[in-house]
């Protein structure tokens, strides 16, 4: 088979499955990490490794639905942080820290935060970037008002998310929850409408899709995932800290772009966001193992984001026929 034809087929595969580049990059980084410090995936270290990865991965997945419909929710990091704060300093303080009480309330909190942003964009026509910035500042400020100083968490069930739930690492379960929700939604018309709205909103509207409602639901879904990330964060750090939201937002944007979900929407998905976040986590872990200064991380995020945008433009499908990741 001619080399050019092989290259074209490989490019077509990447166009159809946009998460493939991030998956291959993650495999390369995983091998590099094994060479530098194989202990990070030993049986003893694996639960803590997955617990470290979980907030990164889930907040990246929380960003994906808004990007798929052509927006960009910058508030997912603060929503994750607010969930962490409310869990530790409000619910536990009032005896509502049990899973049956806390999980529904925190998921509802995330959904409301996301839905409000979605309604501002869909019904009041506020630009997505302005809405995202405003939501970021408002939710961050609300978290700081509730908890000005870090607070240690009392013993609670989220500690299992940072260790094990039975024989299974808790971080793995936390990561699996939004992925299972997403794969369940793919069996419905909802995910198809997300791709339709992100790919060509006027055409979707002409076909009878409620574009405004779809955008609101996409942002609400991202808020739910951000709340799950907040629970994973609580299990990881065993405290609440109102200063953590912004750093997760920046890495989430880089992870989503690296995973093949371009700003502008229409293609990509949660699986790509997960692999993109995994790549960033493995880069951080590799730099740490090589004793590279943490100050270089922001440089790495910027380079990764630029490379992801360039690849995304080069791998843009020739037709608007999307295969969800």
C-alpha atoms as a PDB file:
ATOM      1  CA  UNK A   1       0.000   0.000   0.000  1.00  0.00           C
ATOM      2  CA  UNK A   2       1.482   3.431  -0.967  1.00  0.00           C
ATOM      3  CA  UNK A   3       2.788   5.507   1.945  1.00  0.00           C
ATOM      4  CA  UNK A   4       0.476   8.404   1.074  1.00  0.00           C
ATOM      5  CA  UNK A   5      -2.571   6.165   1.206  1.00  0.00           C
ATOM      6  CA  UNK A   6      -1.498   4.794   4.595  1.00  0.00           C
ATOM      7  CA  UNK A   7      -1.095   8.346   5.899  1.00  0.00           C
ATOM      8  CA  UNK A   8      -4.518   9.359   4.580  1.00  0.00           C
ATOM      9  CA  UNK A   9      -6.161   6.371   6.248  1.00  0.00           C
ATOM     10  CA  UNK A  10      -4.425   7.188   9.523  1.00  0.00           C
ATOM     11  CA  UNK A  11      -5.616  10.796   9.292  1.00  0.00           C
ATOM     12  CA  UNK A  12      -9.166   9.650   8.505  1.00  0.00           C
ATOM     13  CA  UNK A  13      -9.071   7.428  11.601  1.00  0.00           C
ATOM     14  CA  UNK A  14      -7.954  10.368  13.748  1.00  0.00           C
ATOM     15  CA  UNK A  15     -10.664  12.576  12.253  1.00  0.00           C
ATOM     16  CA  UNK A  16     -13.338   9.998  13.020  1.00  0.00           C
ATOM     17  CA  UNK A  17     -12.050   9.230  16.531  1.00  0.00           C
ATOM     18  CA  UNK A  18     -10.638  12.493  17.817  1.00  0.00           C
ATOM     19  CA  UNK A  19      -9.498  11.011  21.131  1.00  0.00           C
ATOM     20  CA  UNK A  20      -6.969   8.712  19.442  1.00  0.00           C
ATOM     21  CA  UNK A  21      -4.110  11.225  19.463  1.00  0.00           C
ATOM     22  CA  UNK A  22      -4.527  11.836  23.194  1.00  0.00           C
ATOM     23  CA  UNK A  23      -4.706   8.080  23.796  1.00  0.00           C
ATOM     24  CA  UNK A  24      -1.467   7.459  21.879  1.00  0.00           C
ATOM     25  CA  UNK A  25       0.227  10.395  23.620  1.00  0.00           C
ATOM     26  CA  UNK A  26      -0.913   9.041  27.002  1.00  0.00           C
ATOM     27  CA  UNK A  27       0.594   5.635  26.199  1.00  0.00           C
ATOM     28  CA  UNK A  28       3.943   7.258  25.315  1.00  0.00           C
ATOM     29  CA  UNK A  29       3.892   9.337  28.508  1.00  0.00           C
ATOM     30  CA  UNK A  30       2.940   6.297  30.581  1.00  0.00           C
ATOM     31  CA  UNK A  31       5.954   4.381  29.258  1.00  0.00           C
ATOM     32  CA  UNK A  32       8.213   7.370  29.966  1.00  0.00           C
ATOM     33  CA  UNK A  33       6.870   7.538  33.527  1.00  0.00           C
ATOM     34  CA  UNK A  34       7.499   3.835  33.997  1.00  0.00           C
ATOM     35  CA  UNK A  35      11.110   4.336  32.964  1.00  0.00           C
ATOM     36  CA  UNK A  36      11.621   7.288  35.322  1.00  0.00           C
ATOM     37  CA  UNK A  37       9.606   6.075  38.325  1.00  0.00           C
ATOM     38  CA  UNK A  38       7.774   2.783  37.941  1.00  0.00           C
ATOM     39  CA  UNK A  39       6.566   2.884  41.538  1.00  0.00           C
ATOM     40  CA  UNK A  40       3.716   5.299  40.752  1.00  0.00           C
ATOM     41  CA  UNK A  41       1.582   2.393  39.472  1.00  0.00           C
ATOM     42  CA  UNK A  42       2.632  -0.210  42.015  1.00  0.00           C
ATOM     43  CA  UNK A  43      -0.141  -1.985  43.902  1.00  0.00           C
ATOM     44  CA  UNK A  44       0.557   0.209  46.913  1.00  0.00           C
ATOM     45  CA  UNK A  45       0.693   3.507  45.005  1.00  0.00           C
ATOM     46  CA  UNK A  46      -2.045   2.944  42.419  1.00  0.00           C
ATOM     47  CA  UNK A  47      -5.006   4.051  44.620  1.00  0.00           C
ATOM     48  CA  UNK A  48      -3.296   7.335  45.506  1.00  0.00           C
ATOM     49  CA  UNK A  49      -2.240   7.856  41.864  1.00  0.00           C
ATOM     50  CA  UNK A  50      -5.825   7.442  40.659  1.00  0.00           C
ATOM     51  CA  UNK A  51      -7.064   9.678  43.483  1.00  0.00           C
ATOM     52  CA  UNK A  52      -4.642  12.391  42.298  1.00  0.00           C
ATOM     53  CA  UNK A  53      -5.811  11.977  38.712  1.00  0.00           C
ATOM     54  CA  UNK A  54      -9.548  11.923  39.467  1.00  0.00           C
ATOM     55  CA  UNK A  55     -10.211  15.669  40.060  1.00  0.00           C
ATOM     56  CA  UNK A  56      -8.133  16.598  36.983  1.00  0.00           C
ATOM     57  CA  UNK A  57      -9.905  14.078  34.779  1.00  0.00           C
ATOM     58  CA  UNK A  58     -13.439  14.759  36.000  1.00  0.00           C
ATOM     59  CA  UNK A  59     -13.192  18.552  35.809  1.00  0.00           C
ATOM     60  CA  UNK A  60     -11.908  18.159  32.227  1.00  0.00           C
ATOM     61  CA  UNK A  61     -14.903  15.961  31.453  1.00  0.00           C
ATOM     62  CA  UNK A  62     -17.122  18.604  33.075  1.00  0.00           C
ATOM     63  CA  UNK A  63     -15.831  21.180  30.591  1.00  0.00           C
ATOM     64  CA  UNK A  64     -16.565  19.018  27.534  1.00  0.00           C
ATOM     65  CA  UNK A  65     -20.408  19.331  27.282  1.00  0.00           C
ATOM     66  CA  UNK A  66     -20.312  23.138  27.103  1.00  0.00           C
ATOM     67  CA  UNK A  67     -17.566  23.026  24.469  1.00  0.00           C
ATOM     68  CA  UNK A  68     -19.497  20.486  22.410  1.00  0.00           C
ATOM     69  CA  UNK A  69     -22.381  22.967  21.977  1.00  0.00           C
ATOM     70  CA  UNK A  70     -20.036  25.763  20.957  1.00  0.00           C
ATOM     71  CA  UNK A  71     -19.498  27.380  24.366  1.00  0.00           C
ATOM     72  CA  UNK A  72     -16.865  27.280  27.079  1.00  0.00           C
ATOM     73  CA  UNK A  73     -17.772  26.955  30.752  1.00  0.00           C
ATOM     74  CA  UNK A  74     -14.962  28.547  32.751  1.00  0.00           C
ATOM     75  CA  UNK A  75     -16.791  27.962  36.024  1.00  0.00           C
ATOM     76  CA  UNK A  76     -16.331  24.189  36.307  1.00  0.00           C
ATOM     77  CA  UNK A  77     -13.220  24.580  38.490  1.00  0.00           C
ATOM     78  CA  UNK A  78     -14.955  26.996  40.897  1.00  0.00           C
ATOM     79  CA  UNK A  79     -18.068  24.766  40.955  1.00  0.00           C
ATOM     80  CA  UNK A  80     -15.854  21.814  41.883  1.00  0.00           C
ATOM     81  CA  UNK A  81     -14.253  23.968  44.583  1.00  0.00           C
ATOM     82  CA  UNK A  82     -17.649  25.199  45.837  1.00  0.00           C
ATOM     83  CA  UNK A  83     -18.865  21.600  46.108  1.00  0.00           C
ATOM     84  CA  UNK A  84     -15.807  20.765  48.176  1.00  0.00           C
ATOM     85  CA  UNK A  85     -16.414  23.791  50.430  1.00  0.00           C
ATOM     86  CA  UNK A  86     -20.130  23.137  50.911  1.00  0.00           C
ATOM     87  CA  UNK A  87     -19.487  19.484  51.695  1.00  0.00           C
ATOM     88  CA  UNK A  88     -16.870  20.180  54.370  1.00  0.00           C
ATOM     89  CA  UNK A  89     -18.005  23.422  55.962  1.00  0.00           C
ATOM     90  CA  UNK A  90     -21.793  23.305  55.535  1.00  0.00           C
ATOM     91  CA  UNK A  91     -23.203  19.802  55.129  1.00  0.00           C
ATOM     92  CA  UNK A  92     -20.871  18.069  57.566  1.00  0.00           C
ATOM     93  CA  UNK A  93     -21.334  20.854  60.093  1.00  0.00           C
ATOM     94  CA  UNK A  94     -25.106  20.293  60.015  1.00  0.00           C
ATOM     95  CA  UNK A  95     -25.028  16.505  60.122  1.00  0.00           C
ATOM     96  CA  UNK A  96     -25.780  16.107  56.392  1.00  0.00           C
ATOM     97  CA  UNK A  97     -22.494  14.558  55.345  1.00  0.00           C
ATOM     98  CA  UNK A  98     -23.832  11.058  54.662  1.00  0.00           C
ATOM     99  CA  UNK A  99     -23.853   9.872  51.026  1.00  0.00           C
ATOM    100  CA  UNK A 100     -27.646   9.719  50.877  1.00  0.00           C
ATOM    101  CA  UNK A 101     -27.988  13.336  51.994  1.00  0.00           C
ATOM    102  CA  UNK A 102     -24.910  14.997  50.527  1.00  0.00           C
ATOM    103  CA  UNK A 103     -24.694  13.504  47.036  1.00  0.00           C
ATOM    104  CA  UNK A 104     -28.163  14.617  45.768  1.00  0.00           C
ATOM    105  CA  UNK A 105     -27.755  18.119  47.208  1.00  0.00           C
ATOM    106  CA  UNK A 106     -24.265  18.606  45.804  1.00  0.00           C
ATOM    107  CA  UNK A 107     -25.193  17.267  42.371  1.00  0.00           C
ATOM    108  CA  UNK A 108     -28.201  19.608  42.367  1.00  0.00           C
ATOM    109  CA  UNK A 109     -25.918  22.494  43.333  1.00  0.00           C
ATOM    110  CA  UNK A 110     -23.636  21.750  40.410  1.00  0.00           C
ATOM    111  CA  UNK A 111     -26.558  21.408  38.005  1.00  0.00           C
ATOM    112  CA  UNK A 112     -28.044  24.741  39.102  1.00  0.00           C
ATOM    113  CA  UNK A 113     -24.709  26.554  38.715  1.00  0.00           C
ATOM    114  CA  UNK A 114     -24.284  25.156  35.225  1.00  0.00           C
ATOM    115  CA  UNK A 115     -27.898  25.756  34.211  1.00  0.00           C
ATOM    116  CA  UNK A 116     -27.772  29.426  35.256  1.00  0.00           C
ATOM    117  CA  UNK A 117     -24.742  29.961  33.017  1.00  0.00           C
ATOM    118  CA  UNK A 118     -26.487  28.125  30.203  1.00  0.00           C
ATOM    119  CA  UNK A 119     -29.630  30.236  30.515  1.00  0.00           C
ATOM    120  CA  UNK A 120     -27.650  33.472  30.418  1.00  0.00           C
ATOM    121  CA  UNK A 121     -26.063  32.314  27.168  1.00  0.00           C
ATOM    122  CA  UNK A 122     -29.088  30.672  25.561  1.00  0.00           C
ATOM    123  CA  UNK A 123     -31.888  33.062  26.488  1.00  0.00           C
ATOM    124  CA  UNK A 124     -30.205  36.394  27.257  1.00  0.00           C
ATOM    125  CA  UNK A 125     -27.572  35.978  24.510  1.00  0.00           C
ATOM    126  CA  UNK A 126     -24.670  36.880  26.801  1.00  0.00           C
ATOM    127  CA  UNK A 127     -21.432  35.742  25.085  1.00  0.00           C
ATOM    128  CA  UNK A 128     -20.184  32.433  26.472  1.00  0.00           C
ATOM    129  CA  UNK A 129     -16.744  33.771  27.377  1.00  0.00           C
ATOM    130  CA  UNK A 130     -18.260  36.710  29.319  1.00  0.00           C
ATOM    131  CA  UNK A 131     -20.711  34.428  31.080  1.00  0.00           C
ATOM    132  CA  UNK A 132     -17.900  32.029  31.965  1.00  0.00           C
ATOM    133  CA  UNK A 133     -15.715  34.768  33.406  1.00  0.00           C
ATOM    134  CA  UNK A 134     -18.587  36.236  35.431  1.00  0.00           C
ATOM    135  CA  UNK A 135     -19.572  32.814  36.763  1.00  0.00           C
ATOM    136  CA  UNK A 136     -15.944  32.099  37.624  1.00  0.00           C
ATOM    137  CA  UNK A 137     -15.645  35.267  39.693  1.00  0.00           C
ATOM    138  CA  UNK A 138     -19.069  34.951  41.344  1.00  0.00           C
ATOM    139  CA  UNK A 139     -18.681  31.294  42.352  1.00  0.00           C
ATOM    140  CA  UNK A 140     -15.080  31.799  43.472  1.00  0.00           C
ATOM    141  CA  UNK A 141     -16.159  34.769  45.584  1.00  0.00           C
ATOM    142  CA  UNK A 142     -19.046  32.805  47.044  1.00  0.00           C
ATOM    143  CA  UNK A 143     -16.684  30.018  48.054  1.00  0.00           C
ATOM    144  CA  UNK A 144     -14.323  32.482  49.704  1.00  0.00           C
ATOM    145  CA  UNK A 145     -17.217  34.113  51.552  1.00  0.00           C
ATOM    146  CA  UNK A 146     -18.350  30.741  52.912  1.00  0.00           C
ATOM    147  CA  UNK A 147     -14.833  29.618  53.809  1.00  0.00           C
ATOM    148  CA  UNK A 148     -12.168  32.350  54.028  1.00  0.00           C
ATOM    149  CA  UNK A 149      -9.552  29.956  55.404  1.00  0.00           C
ATOM    150  CA  UNK A 150      -8.851  26.254  54.732  1.00  0.00           C
ATOM    151  CA  UNK A 151     -10.768  23.866  56.967  1.00  0.00           C
ATOM    152  CA  UNK A 152      -9.915  20.283  57.797  1.00  0.00           C
ATOM    153  CA  UNK A 153     -12.651  17.772  56.990  1.00  0.00           C
ATOM    154  CA  UNK A 154     -14.107  15.550  59.663  1.00  0.00           C
ATOM    155  CA  UNK A 155     -14.006  11.805  59.075  1.00  0.00           C
ATOM    156  CA  UNK A 156     -16.465  11.062  56.273  1.00  0.00           C
ATOM    157  CA  UNK A 157     -17.237   8.677  53.428  1.00  0.00           C
ATOM    158  CA  UNK A 158     -15.328  10.664  50.766  1.00  0.00           C
ATOM    159  CA  UNK A 159     -12.075   9.430  52.321  1.00  0.00           C
ATOM    160  CA  UNK A 160     -12.718   6.156  50.460  1.00  0.00           C
ATOM    161  CA  UNK A 161     -12.502   8.064  47.164  1.00  0.00           C
ATOM    162  CA  UNK A 162      -8.905   8.872  48.052  1.00  0.00           C
ATOM    163  CA  UNK A 163      -8.114   5.278  48.948  1.00  0.00           C
ATOM    164  CA  UNK A 164     -10.204   2.186  48.154  1.00  0.00           C
ATOM    165  CA  UNK A 165     -13.837   1.149  48.118  1.00  0.00           C
ATOM    166  CA  UNK A 166     -13.473  -2.517  48.891  1.00  0.00           C
ATOM    167  CA  UNK A 167     -10.745  -3.817  46.554  1.00  0.00           C
ATOM    168  CA  UNK A 168     -11.326  -1.085  43.929  1.00  0.00           C
ATOM    169  CA  UNK A 169      -9.438   2.245  44.012  1.00  0.00           C
ATOM    170  CA  UNK A 170     -11.870   5.017  44.902  1.00  0.00           C
ATOM    171  CA  UNK A 171     -10.396   7.338  42.271  1.00  0.00           C
ATOM    172  CA  UNK A 172     -11.214   4.810  39.565  1.00  0.00           C
ATOM    173  CA  UNK A 173     -14.847   4.705  40.685  1.00  0.00           C
ATOM    174  CA  UNK A 174     -15.057   8.512  40.750  1.00  0.00           C
ATOM    175  CA  UNK A 175     -13.681   8.712  37.190  1.00  0.00           C
ATOM    176  CA  UNK A 176     -16.008   5.964  35.988  1.00  0.00           C
ATOM    177  CA  UNK A 177     -19.206   7.690  37.173  1.00  0.00           C
ATOM    178  CA  UNK A 178     -19.281  10.572  34.623  1.00  0.00           C
ATOM    179  CA  UNK A 179     -18.086   8.235  31.861  1.00  0.00           C
ATOM    180  CA  UNK A 180     -20.924   5.806  32.599  1.00  0.00           C
ATOM    181  CA  UNK A 181     -23.421   8.681  32.650  1.00  0.00           C
ATOM    182  CA  UNK A 182     -22.096   9.859  29.288  1.00  0.00           C
ATOM    183  CA  UNK A 183     -22.203   6.420  27.682  1.00  0.00           C
ATOM    184  CA  UNK A 184     -25.762   6.032  28.972  1.00  0.00           C
ATOM    185  CA  UNK A 185     -26.747   9.382  27.443  1.00  0.00           C
ATOM    186  CA  UNK A 186     -25.241   8.308  24.120  1.00  0.00           C
ATOM    187  CA  UNK A 187     -28.074   5.792  23.849  1.00  0.00           C
ATOM    188  CA  UNK A 188     -30.522   8.697  23.781  1.00  0.00           C
ATOM    189  CA  UNK A 189     -31.064  11.542  21.321  1.00  0.00           C
ATOM    190  CA  UNK A 190     -29.504  14.025  23.760  1.00  0.00           C
ATOM    191  CA  UNK A 191     -25.884  13.525  22.741  1.00  0.00           C
ATOM    192  CA  UNK A 192     -26.798  13.694  19.056  1.00  0.00           C
ATOM    193  CA  UNK A 193     -28.440  17.057  19.661  1.00  0.00           C
ATOM    194  CA  UNK A 194     -25.284  18.303  21.425  1.00  0.00           C
ATOM    195  CA  UNK A 195     -23.236  17.503  18.321  1.00  0.00           C
ATOM    196  CA  UNK A 196     -25.872  18.980  16.036  1.00  0.00           C
ATOM    197  CA  UNK A 197     -26.010  22.263  17.960  1.00  0.00           C
ATOM    198  CA  UNK A 198     -22.231  22.518  18.191  1.00  0.00           C
ATOM    199  CA  UNK A 199     -21.718  21.586  14.553  1.00  0.00           C
ATOM    200  CA  UNK A 200     -24.324  23.912  13.019  1.00  0.00           C
ATOM    201  CA  UNK A 201     -26.813  25.565  15.367  1.00  0.00           C
ATOM    202  CA  UNK A 202     -28.975  27.195  12.630  1.00  0.00           C
ATOM    203  CA  UNK A 203     -29.307  23.881  10.797  1.00  0.00           C
ATOM    204  CA  UNK A 204     -30.159  22.110  14.066  1.00  0.00           C
ATOM    205  CA  UNK A 205     -32.823  24.740  14.795  1.00  0.00           C
ATOM    206  CA  UNK A 206     -34.256  24.291  11.302  1.00  0.00           C
ATOM    207  CA  UNK A 207     -34.433  20.533  11.964  1.00  0.00           C
ATOM    208  CA  UNK A 208     -36.578  21.126  15.045  1.00  0.00           C
ATOM    209  CA  UNK A 209     -33.933  20.974  17.784  1.00  0.00           C
ATOM    210  CA  UNK A 210     -34.537  23.246  20.777  1.00  0.00           C
ATOM    211  CA  UNK A 211     -31.088  24.852  20.602  1.00  0.00           C
ATOM    212  CA  UNK A 212     -31.508  27.014  23.712  1.00  0.00           C
ATOM    213  CA  UNK A 213     -32.679  24.145  25.911  1.00  0.00           C
ATOM    214  CA  UNK A 214     -29.895  21.910  24.600  1.00  0.00           C
ATOM    215  CA  UNK A 215     -27.304  24.498  25.616  1.00  0.00           C
ATOM    216  CA  UNK A 216     -28.808  24.875  29.084  1.00  0.00           C
ATOM    217  CA  UNK A 217     -28.826  21.108  29.595  1.00  0.00           C
ATOM    218  CA  UNK A 218     -25.214  20.826  28.365  1.00  0.00           C
ATOM    219  CA  UNK A 219     -24.062  23.384  30.939  1.00  0.00           C
ATOM    220  CA  UNK A 220     -26.156  21.719  33.648  1.00  0.00           C
ATOM    221  CA  UNK A 221     -24.584  18.354  32.840  1.00  0.00           C
ATOM    222  CA  UNK A 222     -21.139  19.937  33.109  1.00  0.00           C
ATOM    223  CA  UNK A 223     -22.134  21.302  36.520  1.00  0.00           C
ATOM    224  CA  UNK A 224     -23.140  17.820  37.680  1.00  0.00           C
ATOM    225  CA  UNK A 225     -19.770  16.433  36.598  1.00  0.00           C
ATOM    226  CA  UNK A 226     -17.999  19.334  38.329  1.00  0.00           C
ATOM    227  CA  UNK A 227     -19.814  18.427  41.558  1.00  0.00           C
ATOM    228  CA  UNK A 228     -18.556  14.851  41.228  1.00  0.00           C
ATOM    229  CA  UNK A 229     -15.058  16.296  40.799  1.00  0.00           C
ATOM    230  CA  UNK A 230     -15.607  18.242  44.029  1.00  0.00           C
ATOM    231  CA  UNK A 231     -16.353  15.049  45.910  1.00  0.00           C
ATOM    232  CA  UNK A 232     -13.234  13.444  44.430  1.00  0.00           C
ATOM    233  CA  UNK A 233     -11.222  16.497  45.506  1.00  0.00           C
ATOM    234  CA  UNK A 234     -12.598  16.236  49.049  1.00  0.00           C
ATOM    235  CA  UNK A 235     -11.558  12.596  49.218  1.00  0.00           C
ATOM    236  CA  UNK A 236      -8.085  13.513  47.973  1.00  0.00           C
ATOM    237  CA  UNK A 237      -7.180  16.468  50.211  1.00  0.00           C
ATOM    238  CA  UNK A 238      -9.431  15.766  53.249  1.00  0.00           C
ATOM    239  CA  UNK A 239     -10.113  19.473  53.663  1.00  0.00           C
ATOM    240  CA  UNK A 240     -11.777  22.450  51.991  1.00  0.00           C
ATOM    241  CA  UNK A 241      -9.757  25.251  50.427  1.00  0.00           C
ATOM    242  CA  UNK A 242     -11.329  28.119  48.477  1.00  0.00           C
ATOM    243  CA  UNK A 243      -8.193  28.816  46.404  1.00  0.00           C
ATOM    244  CA  UNK A 244      -8.144  25.689  44.244  1.00  0.00           C
ATOM    245  CA  UNK A 245     -10.760  26.362  41.569  1.00  0.00           C
ATOM    246  CA  UNK A 246      -8.861  28.448  39.031  1.00  0.00           C
ATOM    247  CA  UNK A 247      -5.903  26.110  38.598  1.00  0.00           C
ATOM    248  CA  UNK A 248      -8.203  23.224  37.724  1.00  0.00           C
ATOM    249  CA  UNK A 249     -10.100  25.368  35.198  1.00  0.00           C
ATOM    250  CA  UNK A 250      -6.931  26.161  33.249  1.00  0.00           C
ATOM    251  CA  UNK A 251      -5.809  22.534  33.095  1.00  0.00           C
ATOM    252  CA  UNK A 252      -9.302  21.424  32.094  1.00  0.00           C
ATOM    253  CA  UNK A 253      -9.311  23.692  29.029  1.00  0.00           C
ATOM    254  CA  UNK A 254      -5.930  22.341  27.950  1.00  0.00           C
ATOM    255  CA  UNK A 255      -7.066  18.744  28.545  1.00  0.00           C
ATOM    256  CA  UNK A 256     -10.282  19.116  26.548  1.00  0.00           C
ATOM    257  CA  UNK A 257      -8.446  20.654  23.590  1.00  0.00           C
ATOM    258  CA  UNK A 258      -5.737  18.011  23.718  1.00  0.00           C
ATOM    259  CA  UNK A 259      -8.437  15.324  23.788  1.00  0.00           C
ATOM    260  CA  UNK A 260      -9.856  16.415  20.435  1.00  0.00           C
ATOM    261  CA  UNK A 261     -12.795  18.580  21.492  1.00  0.00           C
ATOM    262  CA  UNK A 262     -12.094  21.925  19.799  1.00  0.00           C
ATOM    263  CA  UNK A 263     -13.487  25.215  21.053  1.00  0.00           C
ATOM    264  CA  UNK A 264     -16.363  25.784  18.662  1.00  0.00           C
ATOM    265  CA  UNK A 265     -17.967  22.399  19.238  1.00  0.00           C
ATOM    266  CA  UNK A 266     -19.377  19.727  16.985  1.00  0.00           C
ATOM    267  CA  UNK A 267     -16.940  16.919  17.735  1.00  0.00           C
ATOM    268  CA  UNK A 268     -15.031  15.280  20.560  1.00  0.00           C
ATOM    269  CA  UNK A 269     -16.411  13.966  23.829  1.00  0.00           C
ATOM    270  CA  UNK A 270     -15.734  12.879  27.375  1.00  0.00           C
ATOM    271  CA  UNK A 271     -13.384  10.067  26.482  1.00  0.00           C
ATOM    272  CA  UNK A 272     -11.057  12.493  24.734  1.00  0.00           C
ATOM    273  CA  UNK A 273     -11.227  14.886  27.703  1.00  0.00           C
ATOM    274  CA  UNK A 274     -10.284  12.023  30.011  1.00  0.00           C
ATOM    275  CA  UNK A 275      -7.266  11.036  27.910  1.00  0.00           C
ATOM    276  CA  UNK A 276      -6.261  14.688  27.583  1.00  0.00           C
ATOM    277  CA  UNK A 277      -6.342  15.097  31.367  1.00  0.00           C
ATOM    278  CA  UNK A 278      -4.396  11.867  31.745  1.00  0.00           C
ATOM    279  CA  UNK A 279      -1.705  13.242  29.424  1.00  0.00           C
ATOM    280  CA  UNK A 280      -1.389  16.422  31.482  1.00  0.00           C
ATOM    281  CA  UNK A 281      -1.240  14.454  34.724  1.00  0.00           C
ATOM    282  CA  UNK A 282       1.444  12.171  33.301  1.00  0.00           C
ATOM    283  CA  UNK A 283       3.420  15.193  32.099  1.00  0.00           C
ATOM    284  CA  UNK A 284       3.313  16.657  35.608  1.00  0.00           C
ATOM    285  CA  UNK A 285       4.323  13.332  37.110  1.00  0.00           C
ATOM    286  CA  UNK A 286       7.174  12.937  34.627  1.00  0.00           C
ATOM    287  CA  UNK A 287       8.510  16.441  35.290  1.00  0.00           C
ATOM    288  CA  UNK A 288       8.343  15.761  39.016  1.00  0.00           C
ATOM    289  CA  UNK A 289      10.248  12.504  38.570  1.00  0.00           C
ATOM    290  CA  UNK A 290      12.900  14.349  36.575  1.00  0.00           C
ATOM    291  CA  UNK A 291      13.113  17.011  39.313  1.00  0.00           C
ATOM    292  CA  UNK A 292      12.041  19.772  36.926  1.00  0.00           C
ATOM    293  CA  UNK A 293      10.818  22.916  38.668  1.00  0.00           C
ATOM    294  CA  UNK A 294       7.045  23.181  39.061  1.00  0.00           C
ATOM    295  CA  UNK A 295       7.293  26.708  37.654  1.00  0.00           C
ATOM    296  CA  UNK A 296       7.633  25.146  34.203  1.00  0.00           C
ATOM    297  CA  UNK A 297       4.158  23.601  34.422  1.00  0.00           C
ATOM    298  CA  UNK A 298       2.415  26.733  33.130  1.00  0.00           C
ATOM    299  CA  UNK A 299       4.800  26.739  30.160  1.00  0.00           C
ATOM    300  CA  UNK A 300       3.909  23.097  29.496  1.00  0.00           C
ATOM    301  CA  UNK A 301       0.160  23.859  29.695  1.00  0.00           C
ATOM    302  CA  UNK A 302       0.573  26.654  27.157  1.00  0.00           C
ATOM    303  CA  UNK A 303       2.595  24.521  24.754  1.00  0.00           C
ATOM    304  CA  UNK A 304       0.154  21.614  25.063  1.00  0.00           C
ATOM    305  CA  UNK A 305      -2.780  23.927  24.383  1.00  0.00           C
ATOM    306  CA  UNK A 306      -1.120  25.437  21.302  1.00  0.00           C
ATOM    307  CA  UNK A 307      -0.211  22.005  19.917  1.00  0.00           C
ATOM    308  CA  UNK A 308      -3.741  20.751  20.572  1.00  0.00           C
ATOM    309  CA  UNK A 309      -5.318  23.690  18.729  1.00  0.00           C
ATOM    310  CA  UNK A 310      -3.001  23.217  15.740  1.00  0.00           C
ATOM    311  CA  UNK A 311      -3.704  19.489  15.553  1.00  0.00           C
ATOM    312  CA  UNK A 312      -7.406  20.104  15.958  1.00  0.00           C
ATOM    313  CA  UNK A 313      -7.451  22.457  12.977  1.00  0.00           C
ATOM    314  CA  UNK A 314      -5.412  20.015  10.871  1.00  0.00           C
ATOM    315  CA  UNK A 315      -7.674  17.109  11.738  1.00  0.00           C
ATOM    316  CA  UNK A 316     -10.943  18.946  11.111  1.00  0.00           C
ATOM    317  CA  UNK A 317     -13.354  16.526   9.414  1.00  0.00           C
ATOM    318  CA  UNK A 318     -14.063  17.087   5.757  1.00  0.00           C
ATOM    319  CA  UNK A 319     -17.749  16.502   6.404  1.00  0.00           C
ATOM    320  CA  UNK A 320     -19.886  17.280   9.412  1.00  0.00           C
ATOM    321  CA  UNK A 321     -20.439  13.655  10.255  1.00  0.00           C
ATOM    322  CA  UNK A 322     -19.304  13.189  13.822  1.00  0.00           C
ATOM    323  CA  UNK A 323     -18.516  10.059  15.748  1.00  0.00           C
ATOM    324  CA  UNK A 324     -18.801  10.784  19.503  1.00  0.00           C
ATOM    325  CA  UNK A 325     -15.799   9.833  21.618  1.00  0.00           C
END
